[in-house]
Amino acid sequence: MVARKARMVLSGARVVLPTGVVEDGRVTVEGSAIAGNVPDDRQATAYELPRDHWVVPGFVDLHVHGGGGASFSAGTAEEALTAIGTHRRHGTTTTVASTVTGDLDELARQASALSELVEQGDLAGLHFEGPFISHHRCGAHEPSLLRDPDPADVRKLVDAARGTARMMTLAPELPGGLDSVRLLADHGVIAAVGHTDGSYDTTRAAIDAGATVATHLFNAMPPLAHRAPGPIAALLEDERVSVELINDGVHLHPAVLELAFHRAGASRVALVTDAMGAAGSGDGFYPLGGLEVEVKDGVARLVEGGSIAGSTLTLDTAFRRAATIDRIPVEQIVEAVSANPARLLGVADRVGSLEPGKDADLVVLDGEFRLVGVLRKGEWVVTPELH
């Protein structure tokens, strides 16, 4: 006899579906998946939510380096699971692990170790940020370890990830840059333009070669200028490109975020954290690759030089800022924090929206967009308190 799957029903709140917002909505979960219309079942666990609450899909983070005091660049399961767990408690049910610039052999080791967590389902893939980036726009990456994107070196890292590489950030103006973009595209890995000092024309050439993502648009690239539009204009204007935006109030002024969001459209925006180990862990000193970072008042900066060194952001905060400060419609925020990054990763058949058959990954927010519940694959990570 087949065991009956546990069933739960969430009702009463506003539910954000691909077709729009449903007032007094209902989501049914059977086992680890979202169920379709099923008859009422007295054996189901019922969660009657307040009418001002929201039920939205679990968040998908394309770009995150760590959290909870742990870093993916440590290349150990223990630290990786700490970071994953920290972000899950803030609504990120699908995580891509981002590395930082390092020695190629060390990056290959990290990729091999982290790929096991992808195979186990804890991570959705790997993102290599560096070492193939510009010295002029390296930010919090060790300058001595930067190198040109020789396609053979790029291929070495992709191979080390054993099929789990999902994205690589590089500067296309460097020798080998455009060839490496083509190589990544041919291997099904997202080529992302970032930490670049390239021109408008070079960026357009990279997009034509297969680049489809802008790594934290505006940050670590030349500013938009009226006679030298640079990479920002090229990345914003092209419908083939999705743009990462870090909505922490530090990396981008709200007016700039709103400009980018409305120029690209919600279907081309991916809200990301670019979080380092301090996310969810407070002020103090933290390693980032081989560099030391001081976090003060929630802002991460290199001890030497003072460059911004990632963020301490979690996606629930990015969502709340988008809704309350930027005044972006909730349906569009959901696209940017769930649906679009899921599509980019090639996992939209399983996550990114609340539809029957997909993983039961969802977030419950209160009327002021504060996180009160997180469900992942039908299991509560954060259980909503009902009164």
Protein backbone atom coordinates (compact mmCIF):
# COMPACT_ATOMS: atom_id res chain seq x y z
CA MET A 1 0.00 0.00 0.00
CA VAL A 2 1.38 3.41 -1.02
CA ALA A 3 1.84 5.79 1.91
CA ARG A 4 -0.38 8.85 1.83
CA LYS A 5 1.49 12.13 1.27
CA ALA A 6 1.13 14.72 4.00
CA ARG A 7 -1.10 17.58 2.94
CA MET A 8 -1.31 21.17 4.13
CA VAL A 9 -3.46 24.07 3.04
CA LEU A 10 -2.55 27.74 3.31
CA SER A 11 -5.50 30.05 2.87
CA GLY A 12 -6.77 33.56 3.57
CA ALA A 13 -3.77 35.59 2.40
CA ARG A 14 -2.99 37.25 -0.91
CA VAL A 15 -1.35 34.66 -3.14
CA VAL A 16 0.92 35.82 -5.99
CA LEU A 17 0.48 33.54 -9.01
CA PRO A 18 1.96 33.94 -12.50
CA THR A 19 -1.45 35.28 -13.56
CA GLY A 20 -1.58 37.91 -10.82
CA VAL A 21 -2.57 38.42 -7.20
CA VAL A 22 -5.42 36.35 -5.78
CA GLU A 23 -7.12 37.86 -2.74
CA ASP A 24 -8.12 35.36 -0.06
CA GLY A 25 -6.11 32.78 -1.97
CA ARG A 26 -5.37 29.13 -1.30
CA VAL A 27 -2.26 27.01 -1.79
CA THR A 28 -2.38 23.25 -1.28
CA VAL A 29 0.78 21.26 -0.68
CA GLU A 30 1.07 17.49 -0.95
CA GLY A 31 4.36 16.07 0.18
CA SER A 32 7.10 18.19 -1.34
CA ALA A 33 5.08 19.66 -4.20
CA ILE A 34 2.32 22.16 -4.83
CA ALA A 35 -0.94 20.40 -5.59
CA GLY A 36 -3.70 21.41 -7.95
CA ASN A 37 -7.36 21.67 -7.04
CA VAL A 38 -8.11 18.88 -4.58
CA PRO A 39 -11.21 18.22 -2.51
CA ASP A 40 -11.28 19.46 1.08
CA ASP A 41 -9.49 17.05 3.34
CA ARG A 42 -10.01 17.11 7.08
CA GLN A 43 -6.66 15.35 7.49
CA ALA A 44 -4.82 18.29 5.94
CA THR A 45 -2.98 20.69 8.22
CA ALA A 46 -4.65 24.07 7.80
CA TYR A 47 -2.88 27.43 8.00
CA GLU A 48 -5.42 30.24 7.99
CA LEU A 49 -3.39 33.36 7.32
CA PRO A 50 -4.41 36.99 7.91
CA ARG A 51 -5.86 38.72 4.86
CA ASP A 52 -3.07 41.32 4.76
CA HIS A 53 -0.38 38.62 4.49
CA TRP A 54 1.25 37.51 1.24
CA VAL A 55 2.21 34.08 -0.05
CA VAL A 56 4.93 34.31 -2.71
CA PRO A 57 7.28 31.83 -4.35
CA GLY A 58 10.55 30.97 -2.61
CA PHE A 59 13.36 33.30 -3.55
CA VAL A 60 16.12 32.35 -6.01
CA ASP A 61 19.55 33.98 -5.50
CA LEU A 62 21.91 33.90 -8.48
CA HIS A 63 24.79 35.57 -6.68
CA VAL A 64 25.74 34.94 -3.05
CA HIS A 65 29.15 34.32 -1.46
CA GLY A 66 28.18 33.33 2.07
CA GLY A 67 26.23 34.03 5.23
CA GLY A 68 25.98 33.17 8.89
CA GLY A 69 29.71 33.75 9.30
CA ALA A 70 30.51 31.17 6.60
CA SER A 71 31.82 31.45 3.05
CA PHE A 72 31.40 29.29 -0.02
CA SER A 73 35.01 30.07 -0.88
CA ALA A 74 36.10 27.93 2.06
CA GLY A 75 35.17 25.02 -0.18
CA THR A 76 33.83 22.87 2.65
CA ALA A 77 30.41 21.33 3.09
CA GLU A 78 30.18 22.59 6.67
CA GLU A 79 30.63 26.26 5.78
CA ALA A 80 28.48 25.96 2.66
CA LEU A 81 25.59 24.43 4.58
CA THR A 82 25.82 27.17 7.21
CA ALA A 83 25.54 29.83 4.50
CA ILE A 84 22.71 28.01 2.74
CA GLY A 85 20.78 27.62 6.00
CA THR A 86 21.20 31.29 6.86
CA HIS A 87 19.72 32.43 3.55
CA ARG A 88 16.95 29.83 3.67
CA ARG A 89 15.75 31.35 6.91
CA HIS A 90 15.44 34.61 5.00
CA GLY A 91 13.40 33.09 2.17
CA THR A 92 16.04 31.96 -0.33
CA THR A 93 14.96 28.41 -1.13
CA THR A 94 17.21 28.14 -4.22
CA THR A 95 20.85 29.22 -3.89
CA VAL A 96 23.74 29.48 -6.33
CA ALA A 97 27.14 29.47 -4.58
CA SER A 98 29.46 32.23 -5.76
CA THR A 99 33.23 32.01 -5.40
CA VAL A 100 35.71 34.90 -5.44
CA THR A 101 39.03 35.34 -7.22
CA GLY A 102 41.66 32.79 -6.25
CA ASP A 103 44.38 30.58 -7.61
CA LEU A 104 43.02 28.39 -10.42
CA ASP A 105 43.86 25.14 -8.67
CA GLU A 106 42.20 26.34 -5.46
CA LEU A 107 39.09 27.43 -7.37
CA ALA A 108 38.98 24.03 -9.05
CA ARG A 109 39.17 22.38 -5.62
CA GLN A 110 36.35 24.56 -4.31
CA ALA A 111 34.24 23.77 -7.38
CA SER A 112 34.75 20.04 -6.96
CA ALA A 113 33.73 20.17 -3.30
CA LEU A 114 30.71 22.41 -3.84
CA SER A 115 29.51 20.36 -6.80
CA GLU A 116 28.69 17.54 -4.37
CA LEU A 117 26.17 19.82 -2.66
CA VAL A 118 24.62 20.59 -6.03
CA GLU A 119 24.29 16.88 -6.71
CA GLN A 120 22.64 16.47 -3.29
CA GLY A 121 20.13 19.22 -4.02
CA ASP A 122 21.39 21.73 -1.45
CA LEU A 123 22.69 24.14 -4.10
CA ALA A 124 21.36 25.00 -7.55
CA GLY A 125 24.81 25.44 -9.07
CA LEU A 126 28.07 27.37 -8.96
CA HIS A 127 28.98 30.89 -10.04
CA PHE A 128 32.61 31.84 -10.63
CA GLU A 129 33.14 35.57 -10.01
CA GLY A 130 36.75 36.10 -10.99
CA PRO A 131 39.63 35.68 -11.62
CA PHE A 132 38.94 36.76 -15.23
CA ILE A 133 38.10 40.37 -14.39
CA SER A 134 39.58 43.84 -14.85
CA HIS A 135 42.31 45.18 -12.58
CA HIS A 136 40.67 48.59 -12.95
CA ARG A 137 37.30 47.37 -11.61
CA CYS A 138 38.29 44.49 -9.35
CA GLY A 139 36.54 45.73 -6.20
CA ALA A 140 37.02 43.21 -3.38
CA HIS A 141 39.06 40.73 -5.44
CA GLU A 142 42.76 40.09 -4.87
CA PRO A 143 44.53 42.01 -7.70
CA SER A 144 47.60 39.74 -7.74
CA LEU A 145 45.46 36.73 -8.66
CA LEU A 146 43.58 38.29 -11.57
CA ARG A 147 44.28 36.89 -15.02
CA ASP A 148 43.09 37.17 -18.59
CA PRO A 149 40.25 34.81 -19.55
CA ASP A 150 42.21 32.26 -21.54
CA PRO A 151 39.56 29.80 -22.81
CA ALA A 152 41.68 26.88 -21.59
CA ASP A 153 41.62 28.26 -18.03
CA VAL A 154 37.91 28.96 -18.27
CA ARG A 155 37.34 25.40 -19.44
CA LYS A 156 39.41 24.07 -16.52
CA LEU A 157 37.03 25.64 -14.00
CA VAL A 158 33.92 24.55 -15.87
CA ASP A 159 35.22 20.98 -15.99
CA ALA A 160 36.14 21.04 -12.28
CA ALA A 161 32.50 21.84 -11.47
CA ARG A 162 31.41 18.53 -13.08
CA GLY A 163 28.37 19.92 -14.83
CA THR A 164 27.28 22.18 -11.96
CA ALA A 165 28.73 25.48 -13.23
CA ARG A 166 25.80 27.81 -13.92
CA MET A 167 27.48 31.20 -14.39
CA MET A 168 30.86 32.87 -14.77
CA THR A 169 31.53 36.60 -14.49
CA LEU A 170 34.27 38.01 -16.69
CA ALA A 171 35.49 41.21 -18.33
CA PRO A 172 35.01 40.74 -22.08
CA GLU A 173 37.54 43.44 -23.06
CA LEU A 174 40.44 41.33 -21.75
CA PRO A 175 42.43 39.11 -24.15
CA GLY A 176 40.44 35.92 -24.73
CA GLY A 177 37.27 37.51 -23.33
CA LEU A 178 34.99 37.12 -26.31
CA ASP A 179 36.25 33.61 -27.07
CA SER A 180 35.59 32.66 -23.46
CA VAL A 181 32.05 34.04 -23.68
CA ARG A 182 31.47 31.82 -26.69
CA LEU A 183 32.95 28.81 -24.89
CA LEU A 184 30.68 29.34 -21.88
CA ALA A 185 27.61 29.73 -24.06
CA ASP A 186 28.49 26.56 -25.95
CA HIS A 187 28.72 24.66 -22.64
CA GLY A 188 25.42 25.95 -21.30
CA VAL A 189 27.04 28.21 -18.68
CA ILE A 190 25.78 31.78 -18.29
CA ALA A 191 28.42 34.27 -19.41
CA ALA A 192 27.99 37.35 -17.21
CA VAL A 193 29.58 40.73 -17.93
CA GLY A 194 30.96 42.28 -14.76
CA HIS A 195 33.97 43.81 -13.02
CA THR A 196 34.66 45.26 -16.44
CA ASP A 197 36.27 48.41 -17.80
CA GLY A 198 34.95 47.67 -21.26
CA SER A 199 33.30 50.05 -23.71
CA TYR A 200 29.77 50.13 -25.06
CA ASP A 201 30.89 48.48 -28.31
CA THR A 202 32.87 45.75 -26.55
CA THR A 203 29.91 44.95 -24.34
CA ARG A 204 27.63 44.73 -27.36
CA ALA A 205 30.12 42.32 -28.94
CA ALA A 206 30.04 40.21 -25.78
CA ILE A 207 26.26 40.06 -25.89
CA ASP A 208 26.38 39.02 -29.55
CA ALA A 209 28.90 36.31 -28.52
CA GLY A 210 26.43 34.93 -25.96
CA ALA A 211 26.63 36.95 -22.72
CA THR A 212 23.18 37.08 -21.09
CA VAL A 213 23.65 38.53 -17.57
CA ALA A 214 25.02 41.77 -16.13
CA THR A 215 26.76 41.09 -12.82
CA HIS A 216 25.53 43.66 -10.25
CA LEU A 217 24.74 46.31 -12.85
CA PHE A 218 26.31 49.74 -12.16
CA ASN A 219 28.78 48.34 -9.61
CA ALA A 220 32.37 47.56 -10.70
CA MET A 221 31.98 49.05 -14.17
CA PRO A 222 32.36 52.51 -15.77
CA PRO A 223 29.50 54.89 -14.98
CA LEU A 224 26.99 55.89 -17.63
CA ALA A 225 28.24 58.98 -19.48
CA HIS A 226 26.54 60.93 -22.24
CA ARG A 227 29.38 60.51 -24.75
CA ALA A 228 30.73 57.21 -23.43
CA PRO A 229 27.68 55.10 -22.47
CA GLY A 230 29.91 52.15 -21.56
CA PRO A 231 28.63 48.74 -20.56
CA ILE A 232 25.61 49.98 -18.58
CA ALA A 233 23.71 51.28 -21.60
CA ALA A 234 24.56 48.20 -23.69
CA LEU A 235 23.40 45.82 -20.96
CA LEU A 236 20.22 47.73 -20.15
CA GLU A 237 19.06 48.18 -23.72
CA ASP A 238 19.46 44.61 -24.98
CA GLU A 239 16.45 42.33 -24.50
CA ARG A 240 18.75 39.29 -24.40
CA VAL A 241 20.34 40.41 -21.12
CA SER A 242 19.08 40.09 -17.56
CA VAL A 243 20.55 42.50 -15.02
CA GLU A 244 21.47 41.80 -11.41
CA LEU A 245 20.58 44.56 -8.95
CA ILE A 246 21.69 44.70 -5.29
CA ASN A 247 18.86 46.42 -3.44
CA ASP A 248 20.47 47.08 -0.07
CA GLY A 249 20.45 50.88 -0.13
CA VAL A 250 24.27 50.88 -0.25
CA HIS A 251 25.16 49.59 -3.69
CA LEU A 252 22.46 51.55 -5.53
CA HIS A 253 20.53 54.73 -4.87
CA PRO A 254 16.78 54.03 -5.01
CA ALA A 255 16.42 56.31 -8.04
CA VAL A 256 19.06 54.32 -9.93
CA LEU A 257 17.45 51.01 -9.03
CA GLU A 258 14.07 52.29 -10.17
CA LEU A 259 15.56 53.56 -13.44
CA ALA A 260 17.13 50.18 -14.18
CA PHE A 261 14.09 48.20 -13.07
CA HIS A 262 11.71 50.09 -15.30
CA ARG A 263 14.11 50.27 -18.28
CA ALA A 264 14.82 46.55 -18.25
CA GLY A 265 11.38 45.41 -17.05
CA ALA A 266 10.71 42.90 -14.30
CA SER A 267 11.30 39.91 -16.57
CA ARG A 268 14.91 41.02 -17.09
CA VAL A 269 15.80 41.89 -13.50
CA ALA A 270 17.29 39.51 -10.95
CA LEU A 271 17.45 40.90 -7.43
CA VAL A 272 20.56 39.36 -5.85
CA THR A 273 22.32 39.71 -2.52
CA ASP A 274 26.03 39.41 -3.44
CA ALA A 275 26.16 38.59 0.27
CA MET A 276 29.38 37.67 2.04
CA GLY A 277 29.81 35.80 5.31
CA ALA A 278 28.49 38.61 7.51
CA ALA A 279 24.94 38.28 6.16
CA GLY A 280 22.77 37.25 9.08
CA SER A 281 25.75 37.44 11.42
CA GLY A 282 26.35 41.07 12.45
CA ASP A 283 29.23 43.52 12.42
CA GLY A 284 32.85 42.42 12.76
CA PHE A 285 35.80 41.20 10.71
CA TYR A 286 35.39 38.50 8.05
CA PRO A 287 37.54 36.87 5.34
CA LEU A 288 36.57 37.22 1.67
CA GLY A 289 38.84 35.05 -0.39
CA GLY A 290 42.28 36.11 0.80
CA LEU A 291 41.18 39.59 1.83
CA GLU A 292 39.94 40.93 5.17
CA VAL A 293 36.61 42.71 5.39
CA GLU A 294 35.26 44.89 8.16
CA VAL A 295 31.49 45.12 8.54
CA LYS A 296 30.31 48.24 10.31
CA ASP A 297 26.66 49.23 10.59
CA GLY A 298 25.85 46.45 8.16
CA VAL A 299 28.16 47.73 5.39
CA ALA A 300 31.05 45.49 4.29
CA ARG A 301 34.29 47.15 3.18
CA LEU A 302 37.84 45.96 2.65
CA VAL A 303 40.12 46.74 5.59
CA GLU A 304 42.76 47.89 3.08
CA GLY A 305 41.43 50.44 0.63
CA GLY A 306 37.85 50.65 1.86
CA SER A 307 36.22 49.21 -1.26
CA ILE A 308 32.71 47.84 -0.81
CA ALA A 309 33.14 44.09 -0.35
CA GLY A 310 29.86 42.44 -1.23
CA SER A 311 26.86 42.97 1.03
CA THR A 312 25.20 41.76 4.19
CA LEU A 313 21.86 41.64 2.38
CA THR A 314 19.25 38.89 2.49
CA LEU A 315 16.55 38.63 -0.14
CA ASP A 316 13.67 39.23 2.26
CA THR A 317 15.16 42.66 2.95
CA ALA A 318 15.63 43.29 -0.78
CA PHE A 319 11.97 42.35 -1.32
CA ARG A 320 10.76 44.62 1.49
CA ARG A 321 12.81 47.57 0.22
CA ALA A 322 11.47 47.06 -3.30
CA ALA A 323 7.89 47.09 -2.02
CA THR A 324 8.09 49.85 0.58
CA ILE A 325 10.83 52.21 -0.63
CA ASP A 326 10.97 51.66 -4.39
CA ARG A 327 7.18 51.14 -4.61
CA ILE A 328 7.51 48.37 -7.19
CA PRO A 329 4.33 46.28 -7.61
CA VAL A 330 4.54 42.99 -5.72
CA GLU A 331 3.95 40.91 -8.84
CA GLN A 332 6.99 42.52 -10.48
CA ILE A 333 9.15 41.99 -7.41
CA VAL A 334 8.22 38.30 -7.48
CA GLU A 335 9.37 38.11 -11.09
CA ALA A 336 12.69 39.68 -10.16
CA VAL A 337 13.34 37.64 -7.02
CA SER A 338 11.95 34.27 -8.11
CA ALA A 339 10.66 33.70 -11.65
CA ASN A 340 13.39 35.38 -13.70
CA PRO A 341 16.40 33.93 -11.86
CA ALA A 342 14.75 30.49 -11.99
CA ARG A 343 14.40 30.84 -15.75
CA LEU A 344 18.01 31.93 -16.13
CA LEU A 345 19.17 28.88 -14.17
CA GLY A 346 17.03 26.53 -16.25
CA VAL A 347 15.02 25.37 -13.22
CA ALA A 348 11.74 27.19 -13.88
CA ASP A 349 10.03 23.83 -14.36
CA ARG A 350 10.56 23.20 -10.62
CA VAL A 351 10.80 26.54 -8.82
CA GLY A 352 10.16 30.25 -9.23
CA SER A 353 6.36 30.31 -9.21
CA LEU A 354 3.43 28.83 -7.34
CA GLU A 355 2.05 26.30 -9.80
CA PRO A 356 0.84 22.70 -9.41
CA GLY A 357 3.62 20.13 -9.72
CA LYS A 358 6.43 22.51 -8.77
CA ASP A 359 8.40 22.25 -5.55
CA ALA A 360 6.50 23.51 -2.51
CA ASP A 361 8.88 26.44 -2.01
CA LEU A 362 7.14 29.53 -0.71
CA VAL A 363 7.53 32.53 1.55
CA VAL A 364 4.88 34.10 3.79
CA LEU A 365 5.15 37.85 4.35
CA ASP A 366 3.06 39.99 6.68
CA GLY A 367 1.24 43.16 5.69
CA GLU A 368 4.44 45.20 6.06
CA PHE A 369 6.43 42.69 3.96
CA ARG A 370 8.31 41.19 6.89
CA LEU A 371 9.09 37.51 6.54
CA VAL A 372 7.01 35.29 8.83
CA GLY A 373 7.24 31.88 7.11
CA VAL A 374 9.44 29.87 4.76
CA LEU A 375 8.49 26.52 3.26
CA ARG A 376 11.01 24.48 1.24
CA LYS A 377 9.99 21.27 -0.49
CA GLY A 378 7.00 21.00 1.81
CA GLU A 379 8.99 21.41 5.06
CA TRP A 380 8.82 24.53 7.20
CA VAL A 381 12.15 26.28 7.62
CA VAL A 382 10.38 29.14 9.40
CA THR A 383 6.88 28.30 10.63
CA PRO A 384 4.39 31.17 10.67
CA GLU A 385 2.96 32.00 14.05
CA LEU A 386 -0.83 32.10 13.85
CA HIS A 387 -2.92 33.92 16.43
